[in-house]
């Protein structure tokens, strides 16, 4: 519609505010009340267009005859959104619906005009991310509003920074209920509606079990972005390979207890998330007064993930994964290279050290999944000499076992294996994200020949030899000769397990699960992969556990 058009002999169109795939929003004036409002027009661009009728009215019509049914169904759903939102009129944190009507062959919503900006734009204008407490204080009223909405049997299903408006007085309001549905109608299949980064796995399938926990995931994903400056990885990708870094990996100002709560809200399995908003809110309130815990915020978190792709990532891309859960905790007093608060002198000193000692650098390529994200996927990688890494002294912030590579070799020798060292390579890299997070990977990979063409590769920290991963390789025509080696390796990694848990590993090789399945009780996972002529078995730390073991 053009400026100057009048709807319902009342709403004067001033300008376009935004254009989406299913509608257009306009700034308008309500001439009856003399105030600005927002008009939302149903206009599915893919299947609809405008046509001038004989009476001079510009109507919205389906482009093709076959599009008519879809167009009418969409218009019906559009008006249903108005009716849903009208029920929420008394909730201050929800944008108010003032009117809805049909005209010009389509449908319109009249909503209150909010003076301010959306949270997405607000975050882009911040020099540094918010602390967890700042983010929670800002969104706590939103959480309370969601709880009221859920009690009415409605879930939003599209909560994200773009659908949260910040008014001039600081109040945050929820907008756009176009994706909202009655979650109590469990027998019906819900439409698949996805906002990458904020939508949990159940929204990717038609019969996914959706409920208040669906909005909880989106709320926690929004908080995650507020405190890290990075949009969370899409949940569907996390299922295949979870690379969602802990907020502390970005130097976020967050207590360990707060991080555990946030990670629980970001669980992929909806059954392990908070079931309702009040559970989430109460968990945050039960944390000790943050002002008395300031020193806790400064301490380094235990283990942080590797942000640099290694050769193992390529090997593990093939085959199915078998997961085992963590029962041991890393020392909370350990300090890892890169895990320095971004406002500290140590952080600045480390960046200067890395840049001055780097033997080479390279820029990362933009991740296509995040092409609209100004930070994620942009980084500089610095490669260092081993002697410089050792001079700094802190091990890297990659996930690790509590054992060392040398302890594994000694274990295997006691079991009668001839571990003959045949090759050693080192890779020492520091990846600095555009937004400031630092991921370090100081790894030495030693290749041992066990017998014939059976090899074991041990990857550990260059600085202190902490074990990262073990992968076994042999020709396909020798499959079976790796059985005992795999069993002995599993028993080495399971030394701290209970007697019952160790018993469960006795027939590990013969009883591999057929599907990717997480089983509580262990702290590593084993993945089988293969190339044209070779089979690979990889033991790695179960990163998933670092967010979830408290609640498993």
Protein backbone atom coordinates (compact mmCIF):
# COMPACT_ATOMS: atom_id res chain seq x y z
CA UNK A 1 0.00 0.00 0.00
CA UNK A 2 1.10 3.55 -0.63
CA UNK A 3 1.35 6.44 1.80
CA UNK A 4 -1.96 8.23 2.14
CA UNK A 5 -4.23 5.20 1.78
CA UNK A 6 -6.98 4.90 4.39
CA UNK A 7 -8.26 1.60 5.78
CA UNK A 8 -11.69 1.16 7.34
CA UNK A 9 -12.23 4.92 6.87
CA UNK A 10 -10.07 5.32 9.95
CA UNK A 11 -6.44 4.20 9.61
CA UNK A 12 -4.22 6.54 7.57
CA UNK A 13 -1.07 4.82 6.22
CA UNK A 14 2.11 6.85 6.79
CA UNK A 15 4.99 4.53 5.79
CA UNK A 16 6.24 0.94 5.60
CA UNK A 17 8.01 -0.32 8.72
CA UNK A 18 8.95 -3.79 7.53
CA UNK A 19 8.35 -6.49 4.92
CA UNK A 20 8.28 -10.21 5.67
CA UNK A 21 7.45 -13.35 3.75
CA UNK A 22 3.82 -13.35 4.88
CA UNK A 23 3.04 -9.74 5.65
CA UNK A 24 3.87 -6.05 5.59
CA UNK A 25 3.80 -3.72 8.60
CA UNK A 26 2.99 -0.02 8.32
CA UNK A 27 3.12 3.00 10.58
CA UNK A 28 -0.39 4.46 10.54
CA UNK A 29 -2.50 7.05 12.30
CA UNK A 30 -5.78 6.21 13.99
CA UNK A 31 -7.78 9.30 13.06
CA UNK A 32 -10.53 8.49 15.55
CA UNK A 33 -8.11 8.54 18.48
CA UNK A 34 -5.43 10.81 17.03
CA UNK A 35 -2.56 8.45 17.79
CA UNK A 36 0.02 6.38 15.94
CA UNK A 37 -0.58 2.66 15.56
CA UNK A 38 0.93 -0.22 13.59
CA UNK A 39 -0.99 -1.96 10.83
CA UNK A 40 -0.01 -5.46 9.80
CA UNK A 41 -1.25 -6.58 6.39
CA UNK A 42 -1.58 -10.21 5.31
CA UNK A 43 0.47 -10.32 2.12
CA UNK A 44 2.15 -13.67 1.29
CA UNK A 45 4.51 -12.46 -1.44
CA UNK A 46 5.19 -15.94 -2.80
CA UNK A 47 1.59 -16.59 -3.79
CA UNK A 48 -0.11 -13.16 -3.85
CA UNK A 49 0.00 -9.88 -5.73
CA UNK A 50 -2.01 -6.67 -6.12
CA UNK A 51 -4.55 -5.97 -8.86
CA UNK A 52 -6.52 -2.80 -9.61
CA UNK A 53 -10.25 -3.53 -9.71
CA UNK A 54 -12.83 -1.64 -11.81
CA UNK A 55 -13.87 0.47 -8.84
CA UNK A 56 -10.27 1.67 -8.49
CA UNK A 57 -9.54 -0.42 -5.38
CA UNK A 58 -6.17 -2.20 -5.27
CA UNK A 59 -6.97 -5.70 -4.05
CA UNK A 60 -4.63 -8.47 -2.88
CA UNK A 61 -5.30 -11.66 -4.83
CA UNK A 62 -3.69 -15.10 -5.31
CA UNK A 63 -1.22 -15.16 -8.23
CA UNK A 64 -2.46 -18.48 -9.59
CA UNK A 65 -5.76 -20.36 -9.31
CA UNK A 66 -3.93 -23.18 -7.52
CA UNK A 67 -2.76 -20.69 -4.89
CA UNK A 68 -6.28 -19.74 -3.82
CA UNK A 69 -6.69 -22.43 -1.18
CA UNK A 70 -3.31 -21.61 0.42
CA UNK A 71 -4.07 -17.90 0.31
CA UNK A 72 -7.45 -18.27 2.03
CA UNK A 73 -6.06 -20.67 4.63
CA UNK A 74 -3.28 -18.20 5.42
CA UNK A 75 -5.73 -15.34 5.77
CA UNK A 76 -7.82 -17.41 8.16
CA UNK A 77 -4.73 -18.15 10.28
CA UNK A 78 -3.75 -14.47 10.16
CA UNK A 79 -7.07 -13.45 11.68
CA UNK A 80 -6.78 -16.29 14.19
CA UNK A 81 -3.55 -14.62 15.37
CA UNK A 82 -5.55 -11.47 16.11
CA UNK A 83 -8.07 -13.40 18.17
CA UNK A 84 -5.29 -15.13 20.11
CA UNK A 85 -3.50 -11.88 20.82
CA UNK A 86 -6.73 -10.16 21.88
CA UNK A 87 -6.94 -12.66 24.76
CA UNK A 88 -3.57 -11.36 25.97
CA UNK A 89 -4.68 -7.72 26.17
CA UNK A 90 -4.25 -7.51 29.93
CA UNK A 91 -0.63 -8.71 29.89
CA UNK A 92 1.47 -5.49 29.85
CA UNK A 93 4.50 -7.16 28.25
CA UNK A 94 2.54 -8.27 25.17
CA UNK A 95 1.86 -5.81 22.33
CA UNK A 96 -1.86 -4.98 22.33
CA UNK A 97 -4.18 -5.81 19.44
CA UNK A 98 -6.60 -2.92 18.93
CA UNK A 99 -8.58 -4.10 15.92
CA UNK A 100 -8.70 -6.65 13.11
CA UNK A 101 -10.68 -6.65 9.90
CA UNK A 102 -10.84 -7.72 6.24
CA UNK A 103 -10.53 -5.26 3.36
CA UNK A 104 -9.02 -5.08 -0.13
CA UNK A 105 -9.27 -8.85 -0.49
CA UNK A 106 -6.97 -9.45 2.47
CA UNK A 107 -6.83 -9.02 6.26
CA UNK A 108 -5.31 -6.49 8.66
CA UNK A 109 -4.33 -6.21 12.32
CA UNK A 110 -4.19 -2.87 14.13
CA UNK A 111 -1.70 -2.90 17.01
CA UNK A 112 -0.36 -0.42 19.51
CA UNK A 113 2.69 1.53 18.33
CA UNK A 114 5.79 0.93 20.43
CA UNK A 115 8.39 3.69 20.42
CA UNK A 116 11.75 1.99 20.64
CA UNK A 117 13.88 -0.66 18.91
CA UNK A 118 13.86 -4.42 18.85
CA UNK A 119 16.30 -6.34 20.99
CA UNK A 120 18.21 -7.52 17.92
CA UNK A 121 19.10 -3.93 16.94
CA UNK A 122 19.80 -3.05 20.57
CA UNK A 123 22.36 -5.85 20.88
CA UNK A 124 24.11 -4.83 17.67
CA UNK A 125 24.65 -1.36 19.13
CA UNK A 126 26.29 -2.64 22.32
CA UNK A 127 30.09 -2.39 22.63
CA UNK A 128 30.25 -5.41 24.94
CA UNK A 129 27.73 -8.16 25.79
CA UNK A 130 25.54 -7.99 28.85
CA UNK A 131 26.18 -9.99 31.99
CA UNK A 132 23.82 -12.85 32.77
CA UNK A 133 22.21 -10.83 35.57
CA UNK A 134 21.71 -7.81 33.29
CA UNK A 135 20.15 -10.00 30.60
CA UNK A 136 17.91 -11.78 33.10
CA UNK A 137 16.77 -8.51 34.68
CA UNK A 138 15.81 -7.23 31.23
CA UNK A 139 13.93 -10.39 30.23
CA UNK A 140 12.46 -11.41 33.59
CA UNK A 141 9.21 -9.52 32.83
CA UNK A 142 9.11 -11.34 29.48
CA UNK A 143 9.48 -14.64 31.32
CA UNK A 144 6.64 -13.71 33.64
CA UNK A 145 4.49 -12.78 30.65
CA UNK A 146 5.27 -16.10 28.96
CA UNK A 147 4.16 -17.91 32.10
CA UNK A 148 0.78 -16.15 31.91
CA UNK A 149 0.52 -16.96 28.21
CA UNK A 150 1.33 -20.62 28.84
CA UNK A 151 -1.34 -20.84 31.54
CA UNK A 152 -3.83 -19.84 28.86
CA UNK A 153 -2.71 -22.84 26.84
CA UNK A 154 -0.75 -20.81 24.24
CA UNK A 155 2.92 -21.00 23.26
CA UNK A 156 4.64 -18.30 21.20
CA UNK A 157 6.95 -20.59 19.14
CA UNK A 158 8.90 -17.72 17.59
CA UNK A 159 10.55 -15.93 20.50
CA UNK A 160 13.81 -14.28 19.42
CA UNK A 161 15.50 -10.84 19.69
CA UNK A 162 13.66 -9.64 16.58
CA UNK A 163 10.29 -10.22 18.27
CA UNK A 164 11.14 -8.40 21.49
CA UNK A 165 10.69 -4.62 21.44
CA UNK A 166 12.41 -2.32 23.92
CA UNK A 167 10.41 0.83 24.66
CA UNK A 168 12.00 4.19 25.45
CA UNK A 169 11.38 3.59 29.17
CA UNK A 170 13.22 0.23 29.02
CA UNK A 171 10.14 -1.99 29.07
CA UNK A 172 10.41 -5.06 26.85
CA UNK A 173 7.33 -6.25 24.98
CA UNK A 174 6.64 -9.45 23.03
CA UNK A 175 5.38 -8.96 19.49
CA UNK A 176 4.36 -11.15 16.54
CA UNK A 177 2.21 -14.07 17.62
CA UNK A 178 1.85 -15.32 14.06
CA UNK A 179 3.44 -18.63 15.03
CA UNK A 180 1.56 -19.06 18.31
CA UNK A 181 -0.57 -22.16 18.74
CA UNK A 182 -2.69 -23.76 21.48
CA UNK A 183 -0.27 -26.36 22.84
CA UNK A 184 -2.99 -28.18 24.78
CA UNK A 185 -4.40 -29.57 21.53
CA UNK A 186 -1.81 -32.35 21.61
CA UNK A 187 -3.60 -34.58 19.14
CA UNK A 188 -3.07 -32.12 16.30
CA UNK A 189 0.07 -31.78 14.23
CA UNK A 190 1.68 -28.37 14.57
CA UNK A 191 3.11 -26.52 11.59
CA UNK A 192 6.89 -26.50 11.29
CA UNK A 193 8.05 -22.93 11.96
CA UNK A 194 11.77 -22.36 12.37
CA UNK A 195 13.96 -19.45 13.44
CA UNK A 196 17.49 -20.83 13.23
CA UNK A 197 19.35 -20.58 16.49
CA UNK A 198 16.27 -20.14 18.68
CA UNK A 199 14.04 -23.06 17.66
CA UNK A 200 14.49 -26.33 19.62
CA UNK A 201 14.59 -29.73 17.85
CA UNK A 202 10.89 -30.45 18.40
CA UNK A 203 10.03 -27.57 16.05
CA UNK A 204 11.86 -29.25 13.17
CA UNK A 205 9.41 -32.15 12.99
CA UNK A 206 5.66 -32.06 12.40
CA UNK A 207 4.81 -34.22 15.40
CA UNK A 208 7.40 -32.79 17.74
CA UNK A 209 6.19 -32.53 21.34
CA UNK A 210 5.84 -28.76 21.86
CA UNK A 211 4.90 -26.93 25.02
CA UNK A 212 6.15 -24.26 27.44
CA UNK A 213 9.60 -25.90 27.22
CA UNK A 214 9.69 -24.87 23.54
CA UNK A 215 9.53 -21.17 24.47
CA UNK A 216 11.99 -21.82 27.31
CA UNK A 217 14.60 -22.98 24.79
CA UNK A 218 14.03 -19.82 22.72
CA UNK A 219 14.22 -17.59 25.81
CA UNK A 220 17.49 -19.18 26.93
CA UNK A 221 18.88 -18.96 23.38
CA UNK A 222 18.08 -15.24 23.44
CA UNK A 223 19.87 -14.81 26.77
CA UNK A 224 22.80 -16.78 25.37
CA UNK A 225 23.13 -14.26 22.53
CA UNK A 226 22.75 -11.32 24.90
CA UNK A 227 25.69 -12.42 27.06
CA UNK A 228 28.00 -13.78 24.33
CA UNK A 229 27.20 -11.60 21.31
CA UNK A 230 26.80 -14.77 19.23
CA UNK A 231 23.65 -16.41 17.96
CA UNK A 232 23.37 -20.05 19.15
CA UNK A 233 24.05 -22.82 16.69
CA UNK A 234 20.84 -24.27 15.16
CA UNK A 235 19.56 -27.11 17.33
CA UNK A 236 19.20 -29.45 14.36
CA UNK A 237 22.95 -29.14 13.77
CA UNK A 238 23.69 -29.61 17.45
CA UNK A 239 22.01 -33.01 17.29
CA UNK A 240 24.47 -34.16 14.63
CA UNK A 241 27.51 -32.48 16.17
CA UNK A 242 27.09 -30.27 19.20
CA UNK A 243 29.34 -27.25 18.90
CA UNK A 244 27.45 -24.91 21.18
CA UNK A 245 30.17 -23.35 23.30
CA UNK A 246 29.60 -22.53 26.94
CA UNK A 247 29.02 -18.79 27.50
CA UNK A 248 32.19 -18.71 29.59
CA UNK A 249 34.11 -19.65 26.43
CA UNK A 250 33.30 -16.15 25.19
CA UNK A 251 34.40 -14.55 28.44
CA UNK A 252 30.76 -13.99 29.45
CA UNK A 253 30.12 -12.57 32.89
CA UNK A 254 28.25 -15.52 34.32
CA UNK A 255 28.43 -17.64 37.45
CA UNK A 256 28.91 -21.41 37.09
CA UNK A 257 25.49 -21.90 38.69
CA UNK A 258 23.91 -19.50 36.19
CA UNK A 259 25.65 -21.27 33.32
CA UNK A 260 24.23 -24.61 34.44
CA UNK A 261 20.73 -23.12 34.49
CA UNK A 262 21.13 -21.60 31.04
CA UNK A 263 22.46 -24.83 29.61
CA UNK A 264 19.58 -26.77 31.06
CA UNK A 265 17.23 -24.42 29.24
CA UNK A 266 19.15 -25.21 26.04
CA UNK A 267 18.90 -28.98 26.37
CA UNK A 268 18.15 -30.67 23.03
CA UNK A 269 15.96 -33.25 24.74
CA UNK A 270 12.85 -31.35 25.86
CA UNK A 271 12.38 -33.77 28.77
CA UNK A 272 15.63 -32.51 30.31
CA UNK A 273 14.69 -28.83 30.02
CA UNK A 274 12.72 -26.87 32.59
CA UNK A 275 9.08 -27.89 32.21
CA UNK A 276 7.64 -24.45 32.93
CA UNK A 277 8.84 -20.85 33.19
CA UNK A 278 8.42 -20.75 36.97
CA UNK A 279 10.96 -23.57 37.33
CA UNK A 280 13.48 -21.55 35.35
CA UNK A 281 12.76 -18.32 37.24
CA UNK A 282 12.96 -19.99 40.65
CA UNK A 283 16.30 -21.57 39.77
CA UNK A 284 17.74 -18.15 38.97
CA UNK A 285 16.28 -16.62 42.13
CA UNK A 286 17.74 -19.40 44.28
CA UNK A 287 21.29 -18.50 43.28
CA UNK A 288 23.18 -16.57 45.93
CA UNK A 289 23.20 -12.77 45.67
CA UNK A 290 25.44 -12.02 42.67
CA UNK A 291 26.92 -8.99 44.46
CA UNK A 292 28.35 -11.34 47.08
CA UNK A 293 29.65 -13.69 44.43
CA UNK A 294 31.58 -11.20 42.30
CA UNK A 295 34.83 -13.07 42.70
CA UNK A 296 33.22 -16.26 41.39
CA UNK A 297 32.55 -14.51 38.10
CA UNK A 298 36.27 -13.90 37.67
CA UNK A 299 37.35 -17.49 38.04
CA UNK A 300 38.10 -19.51 34.97
CA UNK A 301 35.72 -22.22 33.87
CA UNK A 302 37.09 -25.73 33.75
CA UNK A 303 37.03 -26.99 30.16
CA UNK A 304 36.24 -25.15 26.96
CA UNK A 305 35.70 -26.57 23.50
CA UNK A 306 37.99 -26.60 20.52
CA UNK A 307 36.94 -24.11 17.91
CA UNK A 308 39.39 -25.26 15.26
CA UNK A 309 38.64 -28.20 12.99
CA UNK A 310 41.14 -31.03 13.26
CA UNK A 311 41.73 -34.08 11.13
CA UNK A 312 39.63 -36.09 13.54
CA UNK A 313 36.56 -33.99 12.69
CA UNK A 314 36.88 -35.20 9.12
CA UNK A 315 37.31 -38.80 10.20
CA UNK A 316 34.32 -38.61 12.52
CA UNK A 317 32.04 -37.22 9.85
CA UNK A 318 31.41 -40.79 8.69
CA UNK A 319 29.70 -43.53 10.67
CA UNK A 320 27.47 -43.50 13.72
CA UNK A 321 28.35 -42.13 17.12
CA UNK A 322 28.02 -43.93 20.44
CA UNK A 323 27.92 -41.73 23.52
CA UNK A 324 29.03 -42.24 27.10
CA UNK A 325 28.52 -39.78 29.95
CA UNK A 326 30.78 -37.94 32.39
CA UNK A 327 31.02 -38.81 36.07
CA UNK A 328 34.22 -36.90 36.95
CA UNK A 329 34.74 -33.15 37.24
CA UNK A 330 37.78 -31.17 36.14
CA UNK A 331 39.41 -28.93 38.70
CA UNK A 332 37.68 -25.56 38.78
CA UNK A 333 40.99 -23.90 39.64
CA UNK A 334 42.66 -24.86 36.37
CA UNK A 335 43.55 -21.98 34.05
CA UNK A 336 43.52 -22.50 30.30
CA UNK A 337 45.04 -20.32 27.61
CA UNK A 338 42.41 -17.98 26.21
CA UNK A 339 40.01 -18.25 29.13
CA UNK A 340 40.71 -14.76 30.34
CA UNK A 341 37.94 -12.21 30.88
CA UNK A 342 37.92 -9.77 27.99
CA UNK A 343 38.21 -6.79 30.31
CA UNK A 344 41.30 -8.12 32.08
CA UNK A 345 44.97 -7.26 31.55
CA UNK A 346 45.74 -10.97 31.18
CA UNK A 347 43.48 -11.10 28.12
CA UNK A 348 45.25 -8.14 26.50
CA UNK A 349 48.68 -9.53 27.34
CA UNK A 350 47.80 -12.87 25.81
CA UNK A 351 46.57 -11.32 22.56
CA UNK A 352 49.80 -9.33 22.29
CA UNK A 353 51.86 -12.45 23.02
CA UNK A 354 50.04 -14.50 20.38
CA UNK A 355 50.27 -11.85 17.68
CA UNK A 356 53.95 -11.22 18.31
CA UNK A 357 54.91 -14.91 18.35
CA UNK A 358 52.72 -16.17 15.50
CA UNK A 359 54.66 -17.83 12.68
CA UNK A 360 51.66 -17.54 10.36
CA UNK A 361 48.01 -16.47 10.37
CA UNK A 362 44.88 -17.07 8.33
CA UNK A 363 41.35 -15.71 8.20
CA UNK A 364 38.42 -18.07 8.59
CA UNK A 365 35.67 -18.17 5.99
CA UNK A 366 32.19 -16.94 6.83
CA UNK A 367 29.84 -19.68 7.96
CA UNK A 368 26.95 -19.69 5.48
CA UNK A 369 24.51 -20.70 8.19
CA UNK A 370 25.24 -17.39 9.90
CA UNK A 371 25.60 -15.07 6.93
CA UNK A 372 23.30 -12.56 8.63
CA UNK A 373 25.23 -12.76 11.91
CA UNK A 374 27.94 -10.06 12.00
CA UNK A 375 30.25 -12.02 14.28
CA UNK A 376 29.85 -15.78 14.25
CA UNK A 377 32.12 -17.53 11.77
CA UNK A 378 34.55 -14.60 11.41
CA UNK A 379 37.90 -15.18 13.10
CA UNK A 380 41.68 -15.03 12.76
CA UNK A 381 43.78 -18.12 13.45
CA UNK A 382 47.36 -17.70 14.69
CA UNK A 383 49.84 -20.59 14.52
CA UNK A 384 52.55 -20.75 17.20
CA UNK A 385 55.73 -22.71 17.87
CA UNK A 386 55.62 -25.32 20.62
CA UNK A 387 58.34 -23.58 22.59
CA UNK A 388 56.29 -20.36 22.67
CA UNK A 389 53.17 -22.21 23.81
CA UNK A 390 55.17 -23.84 26.59
CA UNK A 391 56.72 -20.52 27.52
CA UNK A 392 53.30 -19.01 28.17
CA UNK A 393 52.57 -22.08 30.25
CA UNK A 394 48.77 -22.45 30.29
CA UNK A 395 47.33 -25.53 28.53
CA UNK A 396 44.74 -24.96 25.79
CA UNK A 397 41.02 -24.68 26.45
CA UNK A 398 40.07 -27.81 24.55
CA UNK A 399 37.94 -30.55 26.17
CA UNK A 400 40.10 -33.20 27.80
CA UNK A 401 40.19 -36.38 29.84
CA UNK A 402 41.67 -36.48 33.32
CA UNK A 403 44.40 -38.84 32.10
CA UNK A 404 47.54 -38.04 30.14
CA UNK A 405 48.75 -39.49 26.87
CA UNK A 406 51.78 -41.04 28.55
CA UNK A 407 49.58 -42.75 31.17
CA UNK A 408 47.62 -44.37 28.34
CA UNK A 409 50.78 -45.67 26.66
CA UNK A 410 52.06 -47.11 29.96
CA UNK A 411 48.68 -48.77 30.53
CA UNK A 412 48.75 -50.41 27.12
CA UNK A 413 52.33 -51.62 27.57
CA UNK A 414 51.35 -53.27 30.85
CA UNK A 415 48.60 -55.03 28.91
CA UNK A 416 51.24 -56.49 26.65
CA UNK A 417 51.06 -54.18 23.64
CA UNK A 418 54.25 -53.14 21.84
CA UNK A 419 53.56 -49.41 21.40
CA UNK A 420 56.22 -48.43 18.88
CA UNK A 421 56.33 -44.68 18.21
CA UNK A 422 56.52 -44.04 14.47
CA UNK A 423 55.53 -40.40 13.99
CA UNK A 424 54.77 -37.19 15.90
CA UNK A 425 53.08 -33.99 14.72
CA UNK A 426 52.20 -30.85 16.61
CA UNK A 427 49.64 -28.17 15.89
CA UNK A 428 49.44 -25.08 18.07
CA UNK A 429 46.74 -22.68 17.04
CA UNK A 430 44.89 -19.78 18.64
CA UNK A 431 41.57 -18.79 17.10
CA UNK A 432 40.36 -15.29 17.95
CA UNK A 433 36.74 -14.64 17.07
CA UNK A 434 35.75 -11.26 15.65
CA UNK A 435 33.80 -10.66 18.83
CA UNK A 436 36.76 -11.47 21.07
CA UNK A 437 36.32 -15.06 22.23
CA UNK A 438 39.54 -17.10 22.12
CA UNK A 439 39.77 -20.84 21.37
CA UNK A 440 43.12 -22.54 21.75
CA UNK A 441 44.29 -25.89 20.40
CA UNK A 442 47.77 -26.98 21.48
CA UNK A 443 47.93 -30.58 20.41
CA UNK A 444 50.61 -33.14 19.77
CA UNK A 445 49.60 -36.24 17.90
CA UNK A 446 51.80 -39.32 18.31
CA UNK A 447 51.28 -42.33 16.08
CA UNK A 448 52.09 -45.79 17.48
CA UNK A 449 52.28 -49.06 15.63
CA UNK A 450 50.73 -51.91 17.58
CA UNK A 451 51.12 -54.75 15.10
CA UNK A 452 50.91 -55.35 11.36
CA UNK A 453 48.83 -52.46 10.00
CA UNK A 454 47.09 -51.70 13.30
CA UNK A 455 47.90 -48.18 14.59
CA UNK A 456 46.93 -46.03 17.56
CA UNK A 457 47.07 -42.23 17.41
CA UNK A 458 47.21 -40.41 20.74
CA UNK A 459 46.33 -36.70 20.78
CA UNK A 460 47.20 -34.70 23.90
CA UNK A 461 47.99 -31.19 25.10
CA UNK A 462 51.39 -29.85 24.02
CA UNK A 463 51.81 -28.15 27.41
CA UNK A 464 50.83 -30.78 29.99
CA UNK A 465 50.05 -33.96 27.97
CA UNK A 466 46.36 -34.03 29.05
CA UNK A 467 44.61 -36.53 26.81
CA UNK A 468 42.20 -35.19 24.16
CA UNK A 469 41.42 -38.23 22.07
CA UNK A 470 42.57 -41.64 20.93
CA UNK A 471 41.85 -43.02 17.50
CA UNK A 472 42.59 -46.49 16.23
CA UNK A 473 42.95 -47.36 12.56
CA UNK A 474 43.39 -50.56 10.58
CA UNK A 475 42.63 -51.89 7.08
CA UNK A 476 39.10 -53.11 6.46
CA UNK A 477 40.35 -56.60 5.63
CA UNK A 478 41.80 -56.87 9.16
CA UNK A 479 38.60 -55.94 11.02
CA UNK A 480 38.39 -57.91 14.24
CA UNK A 481 42.04 -57.51 15.15
CA UNK A 482 41.09 -54.20 16.77
CA UNK A 483 38.64 -55.78 19.24
CA UNK A 484 41.00 -56.23 22.20
CA UNK A 485 42.68 -52.88 21.62
CA UNK A 486 39.33 -51.06 21.70
CA UNK A 487 38.27 -52.96 24.81
CA UNK A 488 41.53 -52.18 26.66
CA UNK A 489 41.30 -48.51 25.68
CA UNK A 490 37.73 -48.28 26.98
CA UNK A 491 38.78 -49.86 30.27
CA UNK A 492 41.63 -47.34 30.61
CA UNK A 493 39.20 -44.44 30.18
CA UNK A 494 36.74 -46.10 32.57
CA UNK A 495 39.08 -46.44 35.55
CA UNK A 496 36.97 -44.07 37.64
CA UNK A 497 33.71 -45.80 36.78
CA UNK A 498 31.77 -47.81 39.30
CA UNK A 499 32.12 -51.59 39.25
CA UNK A 500 28.69 -51.93 37.62
CA UNK A 501 29.56 -49.39 34.93
CA UNK A 502 32.80 -51.18 34.13
CA UNK A 503 30.87 -54.44 33.85
CA UNK A 504 28.69 -52.80 31.21
CA UNK A 505 31.79 -52.19 29.11
CA UNK A 506 32.92 -55.81 29.10
CA UNK A 507 31.30 -56.56 25.73
CA UNK A 508 31.60 -53.09 24.27
CA UNK A 509 32.89 -54.19 20.87
CA UNK A 510 30.17 -56.77 20.29
CA UNK A 511 27.29 -54.72 21.67
CA UNK A 512 27.68 -51.35 19.94
CA UNK A 513 24.29 -49.55 19.83
CA UNK A 514 22.80 -49.28 16.36
CA UNK A 515 21.62 -45.68 16.68
CA UNK A 516 23.03 -42.46 18.11
CA UNK A 517 21.88 -42.82 21.69
CA UNK A 518 22.97 -40.94 24.81
CA UNK A 519 23.26 -43.13 27.89
CA UNK A 520 23.87 -41.47 31.30
CA UNK A 521 26.74 -42.88 33.31
CA UNK A 522 29.85 -42.43 31.18
CA UNK A 523 32.23 -39.64 30.18
CA UNK A 524 33.45 -40.46 26.68
CA UNK A 525 32.05 -41.46 23.36
CA UNK A 526 33.24 -43.82 20.67
CA UNK A 527 32.59 -43.25 17.00
CA UNK A 528 33.21 -45.56 14.07
CA UNK A 529 34.22 -44.10 10.71
CA UNK A 530 35.76 -45.36 7.54
CA UNK A 531 37.47 -44.29 4.36
CA UNK A 532 37.88 -46.31 1.19
CA UNK A 533 40.24 -48.89 2.68
CA UNK A 534 40.50 -48.04 6.38
CA UNK A 535 38.35 -48.28 9.52
CA UNK A 536 38.68 -45.68 12.29
CA UNK A 537 37.59 -45.87 15.92
CA UNK A 538 37.74 -42.58 17.83
CA UNK A 539 37.49 -42.09 21.60
CA UNK A 540 36.73 -38.49 22.57
CA UNK A 541 35.47 -36.54 25.55
CA UNK A 542 31.69 -36.28 25.67
CA UNK A 543 31.30 -32.50 25.37
CA UNK A 544 27.52 -32.71 25.74
CA UNK A 545 27.91 -33.57 29.38
CA UNK A 546 29.53 -30.29 30.30
CA UNK A 547 26.14 -28.64 30.07
CA UNK A 548 23.98 -31.45 31.35
CA UNK A 549 25.57 -33.77 33.87
CA UNK A 550 24.08 -31.90 36.81
CA UNK A 551 20.60 -32.74 35.61
CA UNK A 552 21.04 -36.18 34.02
